[in-house]
């Protein structure tokens, strides 16, 4: 760990979800706010809704289990085109228009994030049963090269990272965007004081999905387990919070889950903390 007393430079990692990517007004505001963030920063994006739409137009059916996409060979081609091309390069172009020197990347570029193909995995289904699921060409991250990311940042480059990795043997793998953001933040935590912001279409983690104002202000590992057991947190929110918890437990200074248009407002959203900080 590279500790320079308490004087480490700040880096902000922002993850933007696919629903926001599809909403021109929300995306424009997020990119405006992201551009205004002072200092070094990284943008990690999703794009699942766009991938689902284009796959449907191509006659390819989408399957989701536990908030994660099943990726067969045809779907891998779609997500590689959509995430690494269409979504990524449009974000880069829009940031360049705002004076941000952005560079679009997948995990394969510069070998920055390498993964292995996910083995069969036990998943809790909506009916409460557990089933073994083959996710197909989905990557579980082995490592991220924090030093390479730091070199880009030190050169004044703002990485824009698509949710794609590679296995080192010539194969691309679809990788959860929240996992990508957490992975990047953890890799950079060795060198910087890192804040990780998960931005999406809600004000934070909600105790009642039907009430947009029911934001849970703080979640720890203990509280998360309690909320899952009670059914308050379920589905696609679970991997997001699991990634957020792992990030703070692995040295990321702050993790916030908040509305895409509120990434510059520290008073909003859900803050993820390690249990000790709530004692």
C-alpha atoms as a PDB file:
ATOM      1  CA  UNK A   1       0.000   0.000   0.000  1.00  0.00           C
ATOM      2  CA  UNK A   2       1.373   3.378  -1.009  1.00  0.00           C
ATOM      3  CA  UNK A   3       0.654   5.629   1.956  1.00  0.00           C
ATOM      4  CA  UNK A   4       1.876   9.215   1.899  1.00  0.00           C
ATOM      5  CA  UNK A   5       0.794  10.115   5.424  1.00  0.00           C
ATOM      6  CA  UNK A   6      -2.656  11.674   5.057  1.00  0.00           C
ATOM      7  CA  UNK A   7      -1.763  13.787   2.040  1.00  0.00           C
ATOM      8  CA  UNK A   8      -2.857  11.447  -0.699  1.00  0.00           C
ATOM      9  CA  UNK A   9      -4.483  13.103  -3.679  1.00  0.00           C
ATOM     10  CA  UNK A  10      -8.200  12.620  -4.176  1.00  0.00           C
ATOM     11  CA  UNK A  11      -9.714  10.616  -7.043  1.00  0.00           C
ATOM     12  CA  UNK A  12     -13.417  10.297  -7.772  1.00  0.00           C
ATOM     13  CA  UNK A  13     -14.762   7.202  -9.540  1.00  0.00           C
ATOM     14  CA  UNK A  14     -18.306   7.644 -10.871  1.00  0.00           C
ATOM     15  CA  UNK A  15     -20.390   4.774 -12.195  1.00  0.00           C
ATOM     16  CA  UNK A  16     -23.398   5.642 -14.373  1.00  0.00           C
ATOM     17  CA  UNK A  17     -26.070   3.031 -15.025  1.00  0.00           C
ATOM     18  CA  UNK A  18     -27.722   2.034 -18.273  1.00  0.00           C
ATOM     19  CA  UNK A  19     -31.063   3.663 -17.455  1.00  0.00           C
ATOM     20  CA  UNK A  20     -29.345   7.050 -17.156  1.00  0.00           C
ATOM     21  CA  UNK A  21     -27.345   6.441 -20.335  1.00  0.00           C
ATOM     22  CA  UNK A  22     -30.702   6.054 -22.117  1.00  0.00           C
ATOM     23  CA  UNK A  23     -32.137   9.309 -20.676  1.00  0.00           C
ATOM     24  CA  UNK A  24     -30.655  12.263 -22.571  1.00  0.00           C
ATOM     25  CA  UNK A  25     -31.612  14.852 -19.938  1.00  0.00           C
ATOM     26  CA  UNK A  26     -30.273  12.916 -16.956  1.00  0.00           C
ATOM     27  CA  UNK A  27     -27.126  11.935 -18.839  1.00  0.00           C
ATOM     28  CA  UNK A  28     -26.436  15.512 -19.902  1.00  0.00           C
ATOM     29  CA  UNK A  29     -26.717  16.720 -16.301  1.00  0.00           C
ATOM     30  CA  UNK A  30     -24.538  13.897 -15.009  1.00  0.00           C
ATOM     31  CA  UNK A  31     -21.811  14.614 -17.555  1.00  0.00           C
ATOM     32  CA  UNK A  32     -22.007  18.323 -16.688  1.00  0.00           C
ATOM     33  CA  UNK A  33     -21.576  17.511 -12.998  1.00  0.00           C
ATOM     34  CA  UNK A  34     -18.850  14.956 -13.726  1.00  0.00           C
ATOM     35  CA  UNK A  35     -16.959  17.511 -15.810  1.00  0.00           C
ATOM     36  CA  UNK A  36     -17.115  19.959 -12.898  1.00  0.00           C
ATOM     37  CA  UNK A  37     -15.577  17.514 -10.391  1.00  0.00           C
ATOM     38  CA  UNK A  38     -12.199  18.895  -9.436  1.00  0.00           C
ATOM     39  CA  UNK A  39      -9.080  16.791  -9.695  1.00  0.00           C
ATOM     40  CA  UNK A  40      -8.580  13.308 -11.041  1.00  0.00           C
ATOM     41  CA  UNK A  41     -11.580  11.176 -11.932  1.00  0.00           C
ATOM     42  CA  UNK A  42     -12.789   8.068 -13.742  1.00  0.00           C
ATOM     43  CA  UNK A  43     -16.166   7.329 -15.342  1.00  0.00           C
ATOM     44  CA  UNK A  44     -17.424   3.733 -15.480  1.00  0.00           C
ATOM     45  CA  UNK A  45     -20.611   3.096 -17.427  1.00  0.00           C
ATOM     46  CA  UNK A  46     -23.258   0.460 -17.972  1.00  0.00           C
ATOM     47  CA  UNK A  47     -25.495   0.126 -20.985  1.00  0.00           C
ATOM     48  CA  UNK A  48     -27.627  -2.919 -20.359  1.00  0.00           C
ATOM     49  CA  UNK A  49     -30.864  -1.353 -21.557  1.00  0.00           C
ATOM     50  CA  UNK A  50     -29.291  -0.311 -24.842  1.00  0.00           C
ATOM     51  CA  UNK A  51     -27.845  -3.812 -25.259  1.00  0.00           C
ATOM     52  CA  UNK A  52     -31.217  -5.395 -24.560  1.00  0.00           C
ATOM     53  CA  UNK A  53     -32.915  -3.118 -27.093  1.00  0.00           C
ATOM     54  CA  UNK A  54     -30.401  -3.764 -29.856  1.00  0.00           C
ATOM     55  CA  UNK A  55     -30.336  -7.492 -29.127  1.00  0.00           C
ATOM     56  CA  UNK A  56     -34.121  -7.550 -29.500  1.00  0.00           C
ATOM     57  CA  UNK A  57     -33.878  -5.744 -32.833  1.00  0.00           C
ATOM     58  CA  UNK A  58     -31.449  -8.459 -33.931  1.00  0.00           C
ATOM     59  CA  UNK A  59     -33.773 -11.215 -32.756  1.00  0.00           C
ATOM     60  CA  UNK A  60     -31.617 -12.154 -29.771  1.00  0.00           C
ATOM     61  CA  UNK A  61     -33.463 -12.794 -26.516  1.00  0.00           C
ATOM     62  CA  UNK A  62     -32.097 -11.418 -23.239  1.00  0.00           C
ATOM     63  CA  UNK A  63     -32.071 -13.428 -20.002  1.00  0.00           C
ATOM     64  CA  UNK A  64     -31.388 -12.029 -16.510  1.00  0.00           C
ATOM     65  CA  UNK A  65     -30.844 -13.913 -13.233  1.00  0.00           C
ATOM     66  CA  UNK A  66     -30.381 -12.122  -9.915  1.00  0.00           C
ATOM     67  CA  UNK A  67     -29.882  -8.786 -11.641  1.00  0.00           C
ATOM     68  CA  UNK A  68     -27.116 -10.145 -13.888  1.00  0.00           C
ATOM     69  CA  UNK A  69     -27.192 -10.911 -17.601  1.00  0.00           C
ATOM     70  CA  UNK A  70     -26.778 -14.382 -19.058  1.00  0.00           C
ATOM     71  CA  UNK A  71     -24.275 -13.917 -21.893  1.00  0.00           C
ATOM     72  CA  UNK A  72     -24.187 -16.517 -24.653  1.00  0.00           C
ATOM     73  CA  UNK A  73     -21.985 -16.135 -27.745  1.00  0.00           C
ATOM     74  CA  UNK A  74     -24.524 -14.006 -29.637  1.00  0.00           C
ATOM     75  CA  UNK A  75     -25.129 -11.727 -26.663  1.00  0.00           C
ATOM     76  CA  UNK A  76     -21.379 -11.360 -26.122  1.00  0.00           C
ATOM     77  CA  UNK A  77     -21.097  -9.929 -29.645  1.00  0.00           C
ATOM     78  CA  UNK A  78     -23.922  -7.495 -28.903  1.00  0.00           C
ATOM     79  CA  UNK A  79     -22.553  -6.237 -25.585  1.00  0.00           C
ATOM     80  CA  UNK A  80     -19.053  -5.885 -26.998  1.00  0.00           C
ATOM     81  CA  UNK A  81     -20.398  -3.694 -29.809  1.00  0.00           C
ATOM     82  CA  UNK A  82     -22.781  -1.717 -27.610  1.00  0.00           C
ATOM     83  CA  UNK A  83     -20.663  -1.237 -24.485  1.00  0.00           C
ATOM     84  CA  UNK A  84     -17.217  -0.936 -26.041  1.00  0.00           C
ATOM     85  CA  UNK A  85     -18.372   0.978 -29.106  1.00  0.00           C
ATOM     86  CA  UNK A  86     -21.719   2.768 -29.195  1.00  0.00           C
ATOM     87  CA  UNK A  87     -22.128   3.763 -25.549  1.00  0.00           C
ATOM     88  CA  UNK A  88     -18.457   4.246 -24.690  1.00  0.00           C
ATOM     89  CA  UNK A  89     -17.540   6.414 -27.657  1.00  0.00           C
ATOM     90  CA  UNK A  90     -20.659   8.571 -27.384  1.00  0.00           C
ATOM     91  CA  UNK A  91     -19.751   9.308 -23.751  1.00  0.00           C
ATOM     92  CA  UNK A  92     -16.174  10.095 -24.739  1.00  0.00           C
ATOM     93  CA  UNK A  93     -17.361  12.469 -27.482  1.00  0.00           C
ATOM     94  CA  UNK A  94     -19.741  14.270 -25.126  1.00  0.00           C
ATOM     95  CA  UNK A  95     -17.023  14.681 -22.493  1.00  0.00           C
ATOM     96  CA  UNK A  96     -14.581  15.997 -25.086  1.00  0.00           C
ATOM     97  CA  UNK A  97     -17.211  18.616 -25.996  1.00  0.00           C
ATOM     98  CA  UNK A  98     -17.125  19.708 -22.333  1.00  0.00           C
ATOM     99  CA  UNK A  99     -13.347  20.063 -22.321  1.00  0.00           C
ATOM    100  CA  UNK A 100     -12.665  16.730 -20.582  1.00  0.00           C
ATOM    101  CA  UNK A 101      -9.764  14.814 -22.136  1.00  0.00           C
ATOM    102  CA  UNK A 102     -11.493  11.429 -21.996  1.00  0.00           C
ATOM    103  CA  UNK A 103     -10.184   8.080 -23.213  1.00  0.00           C
ATOM    104  CA  UNK A 104     -12.541   5.142 -23.761  1.00  0.00           C
ATOM    105  CA  UNK A 105     -11.320   1.764 -22.518  1.00  0.00           C
ATOM    106  CA  UNK A 106     -12.358  -1.825 -21.995  1.00  0.00           C
ATOM    107  CA  UNK A 107     -10.527  -4.133 -19.627  1.00  0.00           C
ATOM    108  CA  UNK A 108      -8.559  -5.512 -22.582  1.00  0.00           C
ATOM    109  CA  UNK A 109      -7.013  -2.137 -23.410  1.00  0.00           C
ATOM    110  CA  UNK A 110      -3.588  -1.886 -21.790  1.00  0.00           C
ATOM    111  CA  UNK A 111      -4.526  -5.124 -19.968  1.00  0.00           C
ATOM    112  CA  UNK A 112      -6.087  -2.951 -17.269  1.00  0.00           C
ATOM    113  CA  UNK A 113      -8.700  -5.445 -16.033  1.00  0.00           C
ATOM    114  CA  UNK A 114      -8.407  -9.183 -16.519  1.00  0.00           C
ATOM    115  CA  UNK A 115     -11.050 -11.773 -15.632  1.00  0.00           C
ATOM    116  CA  UNK A 116     -11.849 -15.451 -15.845  1.00  0.00           C
ATOM    117  CA  UNK A 117     -15.038 -16.951 -17.209  1.00  0.00           C
ATOM    118  CA  UNK A 118     -17.486 -17.397 -14.369  1.00  0.00           C
ATOM    119  CA  UNK A 119     -18.000 -21.031 -13.345  1.00  0.00           C
ATOM    120  CA  UNK A 120     -21.425 -22.432 -12.518  1.00  0.00           C
ATOM    121  CA  UNK A 121     -22.720 -20.361  -9.631  1.00  0.00           C
ATOM    122  CA  UNK A 122     -25.433 -20.911  -7.026  1.00  0.00           C
ATOM    123  CA  UNK A 123     -27.986 -18.103  -7.225  1.00  0.00           C
ATOM    124  CA  UNK A 124     -30.944 -17.327  -4.957  1.00  0.00           C
ATOM    125  CA  UNK A 125     -34.044 -17.221  -7.176  1.00  0.00           C
ATOM    126  CA  UNK A 126     -37.112 -15.014  -6.716  1.00  0.00           C
ATOM    127  CA  UNK A 127     -39.022 -17.929  -5.187  1.00  0.00           C
ATOM    128  CA  UNK A 128     -36.372 -18.304  -2.482  1.00  0.00           C
ATOM    129  CA  UNK A 129     -34.789 -21.468  -3.881  1.00  0.00           C
ATOM    130  CA  UNK A 130     -31.124 -21.804  -4.870  1.00  0.00           C
ATOM    131  CA  UNK A 131     -30.153 -22.947  -8.352  1.00  0.00           C
ATOM    132  CA  UNK A 132     -26.849 -23.495 -10.154  1.00  0.00           C
ATOM    133  CA  UNK A 133     -26.669 -21.033 -13.076  1.00  0.00           C
ATOM    134  CA  UNK A 134     -24.375 -20.923 -16.115  1.00  0.00           C
ATOM    135  CA  UNK A 135     -23.907 -17.217 -16.866  1.00  0.00           C
ATOM    136  CA  UNK A 136     -22.055 -17.919 -20.114  1.00  0.00           C
ATOM    137  CA  UNK A 137     -19.362 -15.468 -21.220  1.00  0.00           C
ATOM    138  CA  UNK A 138     -19.411 -13.422 -18.029  1.00  0.00           C
ATOM    139  CA  UNK A 139     -16.142 -12.395 -16.406  1.00  0.00           C
ATOM    140  CA  UNK A 140     -15.307 -12.497 -12.711  1.00  0.00           C
ATOM    141  CA  UNK A 141     -12.436 -10.084 -12.127  1.00  0.00           C
ATOM    142  CA  UNK A 142      -8.981 -11.414 -11.250  1.00  0.00           C
ATOM    143  CA  UNK A 143      -7.160  -8.079 -11.035  1.00  0.00           C
ATOM    144  CA  UNK A 144      -7.087  -4.469 -12.133  1.00  0.00           C
ATOM    145  CA  UNK A 145      -3.849  -2.631 -12.868  1.00  0.00           C
ATOM    146  CA  UNK A 146      -4.081   0.368 -10.561  1.00  0.00           C
ATOM    147  CA  UNK A 147      -0.648   1.578 -11.617  1.00  0.00           C
ATOM    148  CA  UNK A 148      -1.720   1.835 -15.261  1.00  0.00           C
ATOM    149  CA  UNK A 149      -4.854   3.722 -14.257  1.00  0.00           C
ATOM    150  CA  UNK A 150      -2.700   6.036 -12.133  1.00  0.00           C
ATOM    151  CA  UNK A 151      -0.347   6.659 -15.060  1.00  0.00           C
ATOM    152  CA  UNK A 152      -3.295   7.750 -17.201  1.00  0.00           C
ATOM    153  CA  UNK A 153      -4.603  10.021 -14.473  1.00  0.00           C
ATOM    154  CA  UNK A 154      -1.179  11.539 -13.882  1.00  0.00           C
ATOM    155  CA  UNK A 155      -1.019  12.275 -17.620  1.00  0.00           C
ATOM    156  CA  UNK A 156      -4.216  14.315 -17.412  1.00  0.00           C
ATOM    157  CA  UNK A 157      -6.343  11.628 -19.086  1.00  0.00           C
ATOM    158  CA  UNK A 158      -9.826  10.769 -17.822  1.00  0.00           C
ATOM    159  CA  UNK A 159     -10.567   7.046 -18.349  1.00  0.00           C
ATOM    160  CA  UNK A 160     -14.097   6.129 -19.458  1.00  0.00           C
ATOM    161  CA  UNK A 161     -14.424   2.421 -18.758  1.00  0.00           C
ATOM    162  CA  UNK A 162     -16.880   0.061 -20.469  1.00  0.00           C
ATOM    163  CA  UNK A 163     -18.117  -3.050 -18.595  1.00  0.00           C
ATOM    164  CA  UNK A 164     -16.018  -5.492 -20.606  1.00  0.00           C
ATOM    165  CA  UNK A 165     -12.929  -7.423 -19.546  1.00  0.00           C
ATOM    166  CA  UNK A 166     -10.728 -10.112 -21.111  1.00  0.00           C
ATOM    167  CA  UNK A 167      -9.247 -13.407 -20.018  1.00  0.00           C
ATOM    168  CA  UNK A 168      -5.711 -12.979 -21.365  1.00  0.00           C
ATOM    169  CA  UNK A 169      -6.299 -15.699 -23.956  1.00  0.00           C
ATOM    170  CA  UNK A 170      -7.981 -13.546 -26.567  1.00  0.00           C
ATOM    171  CA  UNK A 171     -11.539 -13.690 -25.268  1.00  0.00           C
ATOM    172  CA  UNK A 172     -13.723 -10.768 -24.251  1.00  0.00           C
ATOM    173  CA  UNK A 173     -16.041 -11.198 -21.254  1.00  0.00           C
ATOM    174  CA  UNK A 174     -19.131  -9.305 -20.170  1.00  0.00           C
ATOM    175  CA  UNK A 175     -18.596  -7.942 -16.651  1.00  0.00           C
ATOM    176  CA  UNK A 176     -21.054  -6.262 -14.309  1.00  0.00           C
ATOM    177  CA  UNK A 177     -20.585  -2.478 -14.430  1.00  0.00           C
ATOM    178  CA  UNK A 178     -20.923  -2.084 -10.651  1.00  0.00           C
ATOM    179  CA  UNK A 179     -18.184  -4.691 -10.255  1.00  0.00           C
ATOM    180  CA  UNK A 180     -16.041  -2.761 -12.746  1.00  0.00           C
ATOM    181  CA  UNK A 181     -16.475   0.475 -10.789  1.00  0.00           C
ATOM    182  CA  UNK A 182     -15.692  -1.187  -7.468  1.00  0.00           C
ATOM    183  CA  UNK A 183     -12.668  -2.921  -9.012  1.00  0.00           C
ATOM    184  CA  UNK A 184     -11.275   0.339 -10.424  1.00  0.00           C
ATOM    185  CA  UNK A 185     -11.845   2.155  -7.125  1.00  0.00           C
ATOM    186  CA  UNK A 186     -10.114  -0.578  -5.104  1.00  0.00           C
ATOM    187  CA  UNK A 187      -7.135  -0.628  -7.496  1.00  0.00           C
ATOM    188  CA  UNK A 188      -6.749   3.143  -7.248  1.00  0.00           C
ATOM    189  CA  UNK A 189      -7.091   3.111  -3.431  1.00  0.00           C
ATOM    190  CA  UNK A 190      -3.481   1.918  -3.263  1.00  0.00           C
ATOM    191  CA  UNK A 191      -2.366   5.271  -4.674  1.00  0.00           C
ATOM    192  CA  UNK A 192      -5.106   7.796  -3.908  1.00  0.00           C
ATOM    193  CA  UNK A 193      -7.852   8.845  -1.513  1.00  0.00           C
ATOM    194  CA  UNK A 194     -10.776   7.412  -3.478  1.00  0.00           C
ATOM    195  CA  UNK A 195     -14.462   8.290  -3.460  1.00  0.00           C
ATOM    196  CA  UNK A 196     -16.724   5.896  -5.362  1.00  0.00           C
ATOM    197  CA  UNK A 197     -20.148   7.115  -6.493  1.00  0.00           C
ATOM    198  CA  UNK A 198     -22.747   4.744  -7.915  1.00  0.00           C
ATOM    199  CA  UNK A 199     -25.178   6.994  -9.784  1.00  0.00           C
ATOM    200  CA  UNK A 200     -28.487   5.810 -11.174  1.00  0.00           C
ATOM    201  CA  UNK A 201     -32.127   6.851 -11.668  1.00  0.00           C
ATOM    202  CA  UNK A 202     -33.121   6.720  -7.963  1.00  0.00           C
ATOM    203  CA  UNK A 203     -32.248   9.037  -5.053  1.00  0.00           C
ATOM    204  CA  UNK A 204     -30.435   6.209  -3.272  1.00  0.00           C
ATOM    205  CA  UNK A 205     -31.237   2.769  -1.872  1.00  0.00           C
ATOM    206  CA  UNK A 206     -34.959   2.832  -1.105  1.00  0.00           C
ATOM    207  CA  UNK A 207     -36.715   1.035   1.747  1.00  0.00           C
ATOM    208  CA  UNK A 208     -39.908   1.195  -0.352  1.00  0.00           C
ATOM    209  CA  UNK A 209     -39.398   0.968  -4.136  1.00  0.00           C
ATOM    210  CA  UNK A 210     -42.748   2.734  -4.648  1.00  0.00           C
ATOM    211  CA  UNK A 211     -41.617   5.746  -2.577  1.00  0.00           C
ATOM    212  CA  UNK A 212     -38.771   7.707  -4.158  1.00  0.00           C
ATOM    213  CA  UNK A 213     -38.200   9.582  -0.890  1.00  0.00           C
ATOM    214  CA  UNK A 214     -37.693   6.454   1.265  1.00  0.00           C
ATOM    215  CA  UNK A 215     -33.902   6.677   0.999  1.00  0.00           C
ATOM    216  CA  UNK A 216     -31.922   4.576   3.463  1.00  0.00           C
ATOM    217  CA  UNK A 217     -29.209   7.049   4.599  1.00  0.00           C
ATOM    218  CA  UNK A 218     -26.554   4.552   5.737  1.00  0.00           C
ATOM    219  CA  UNK A 219     -25.935   0.873   4.990  1.00  0.00           C
ATOM    220  CA  UNK A 220     -23.315  -1.319   6.667  1.00  0.00           C
ATOM    221  CA  UNK A 221     -22.651  -5.021   6.167  1.00  0.00           C
ATOM    222  CA  UNK A 222     -24.806  -5.841   9.191  1.00  0.00           C
ATOM    223  CA  UNK A 223     -27.681  -3.648   8.033  1.00  0.00           C
ATOM    224  CA  UNK A 224     -27.419  -5.018   4.500  1.00  0.00           C
ATOM    225  CA  UNK A 225     -27.774  -8.614   5.707  1.00  0.00           C
ATOM    226  CA  UNK A 226     -30.789  -7.565   7.775  1.00  0.00           C
ATOM    227  CA  UNK A 227     -32.447  -5.773   4.833  1.00  0.00           C
ATOM    228  CA  UNK A 228     -31.875  -8.753   2.518  1.00  0.00           C
ATOM    229  CA  UNK A 229     -33.359 -11.157   5.056  1.00  0.00           C
ATOM    230  CA  UNK A 230     -36.405  -8.889   5.426  1.00  0.00           C
ATOM    231  CA  UNK A 231     -36.795  -8.527   1.655  1.00  0.00           C
ATOM    232  CA  UNK A 232     -36.206  -4.761   1.755  1.00  0.00           C
ATOM    233  CA  UNK A 233     -33.214  -5.135  -0.586  1.00  0.00           C
ATOM    234  CA  UNK A 234     -33.419  -7.631  -3.441  1.00  0.00           C
ATOM    235  CA  UNK A 235     -32.793  -8.191  -7.151  1.00  0.00           C
ATOM    236  CA  UNK A 236     -30.365  -5.957  -9.013  1.00  0.00           C
ATOM    237  CA  UNK A 237     -29.727  -3.760  -5.964  1.00  0.00           C
ATOM    238  CA  UNK A 238     -27.978  -6.648  -4.212  1.00  0.00           C
ATOM    239  CA  UNK A 239     -24.858  -6.849  -6.441  1.00  0.00           C
ATOM    240  CA  UNK A 240     -24.587  -3.048  -6.374  1.00  0.00           C
ATOM    241  CA  UNK A 241     -24.482  -2.935  -2.579  1.00  0.00           C
ATOM    242  CA  UNK A 242     -22.245  -6.003  -2.355  1.00  0.00           C
ATOM    243  CA  UNK A 243     -19.733  -4.235  -4.606  1.00  0.00           C
ATOM    244  CA  UNK A 244     -20.042  -1.044  -2.571  1.00  0.00           C
ATOM    245  CA  UNK A 245     -19.458  -2.883   0.714  1.00  0.00           C
ATOM    246  CA  UNK A 246     -16.459  -4.713  -0.681  1.00  0.00           C
ATOM    247  CA  UNK A 247     -14.989  -1.404  -1.847  1.00  0.00           C
ATOM    248  CA  UNK A 248     -15.102   0.261   1.594  1.00  0.00           C
ATOM    249  CA  UNK A 249     -13.841  -2.932   3.214  1.00  0.00           C
ATOM    250  CA  UNK A 250     -10.864  -2.921   0.799  1.00  0.00           C
ATOM    251  CA  UNK A 251      -9.709   0.643   1.394  1.00  0.00           C
ATOM    252  CA  UNK A 252     -11.949   2.943  -0.663  1.00  0.00           C
ATOM    253  CA  UNK A 253     -12.537   5.994   1.514  1.00  0.00           C
ATOM    254  CA  UNK A 254     -16.160   6.800   0.655  1.00  0.00           C
ATOM    255  CA  UNK A 255     -18.922   5.044  -1.294  1.00  0.00           C
ATOM    256  CA  UNK A 256     -22.213   6.751  -2.132  1.00  0.00           C
ATOM    257  CA  UNK A 257     -25.234   5.459  -4.046  1.00  0.00           C
ATOM    258  CA  UNK A 258     -27.226   8.411  -5.354  1.00  0.00           C
ATOM    259  CA  UNK A 259     -29.273  10.049  -8.078  1.00  0.00           C
ATOM    260  CA  UNK A 260     -27.366  10.608 -11.309  1.00  0.00           C
ATOM    261  CA  UNK A 261     -28.114  14.340 -11.246  1.00  0.00           C
ATOM    262  CA  UNK A 262     -26.914  14.672  -7.626  1.00  0.00           C
ATOM    263  CA  UNK A 263     -23.342  13.355  -7.768  1.00  0.00           C
ATOM    264  CA  UNK A 264     -22.012  16.744  -6.632  1.00  0.00           C
ATOM    265  CA  UNK A 265     -24.308  16.902  -3.569  1.00  0.00           C
ATOM    266  CA  UNK A 266     -22.826  15.045  -0.596  1.00  0.00           C
ATOM    267  CA  UNK A 267     -26.014  15.476   1.449  1.00  0.00           C
ATOM    268  CA  UNK A 268     -28.045  13.148  -0.768  1.00  0.00           C
ATOM    269  CA  UNK A 269     -28.067   9.424  -1.416  1.00  0.00           C
ATOM    270  CA  UNK A 270     -27.081   6.363   0.601  1.00  0.00           C
ATOM    271  CA  UNK A 271     -23.640   6.203   2.197  1.00  0.00           C
ATOM    272  CA  UNK A 272     -21.999   2.774   2.474  1.00  0.00           C
ATOM    273  CA  UNK A 273     -19.855   2.319   5.590  1.00  0.00           C
ATOM    274  CA  UNK A 274     -17.985  -0.417   7.372  1.00  0.00           C
ATOM    275  CA  UNK A 275     -19.708  -1.467  10.569  1.00  0.00           C
ATOM    276  CA  UNK A 276     -17.050   0.032  12.846  1.00  0.00           C
ATOM    277  CA  UNK A 277     -17.869   3.550  11.658  1.00  0.00           C
ATOM    278  CA  UNK A 278     -21.394   3.327  13.045  1.00  0.00           C
ATOM    279  CA  UNK A 279     -20.378   2.338  16.575  1.00  0.00           C
END
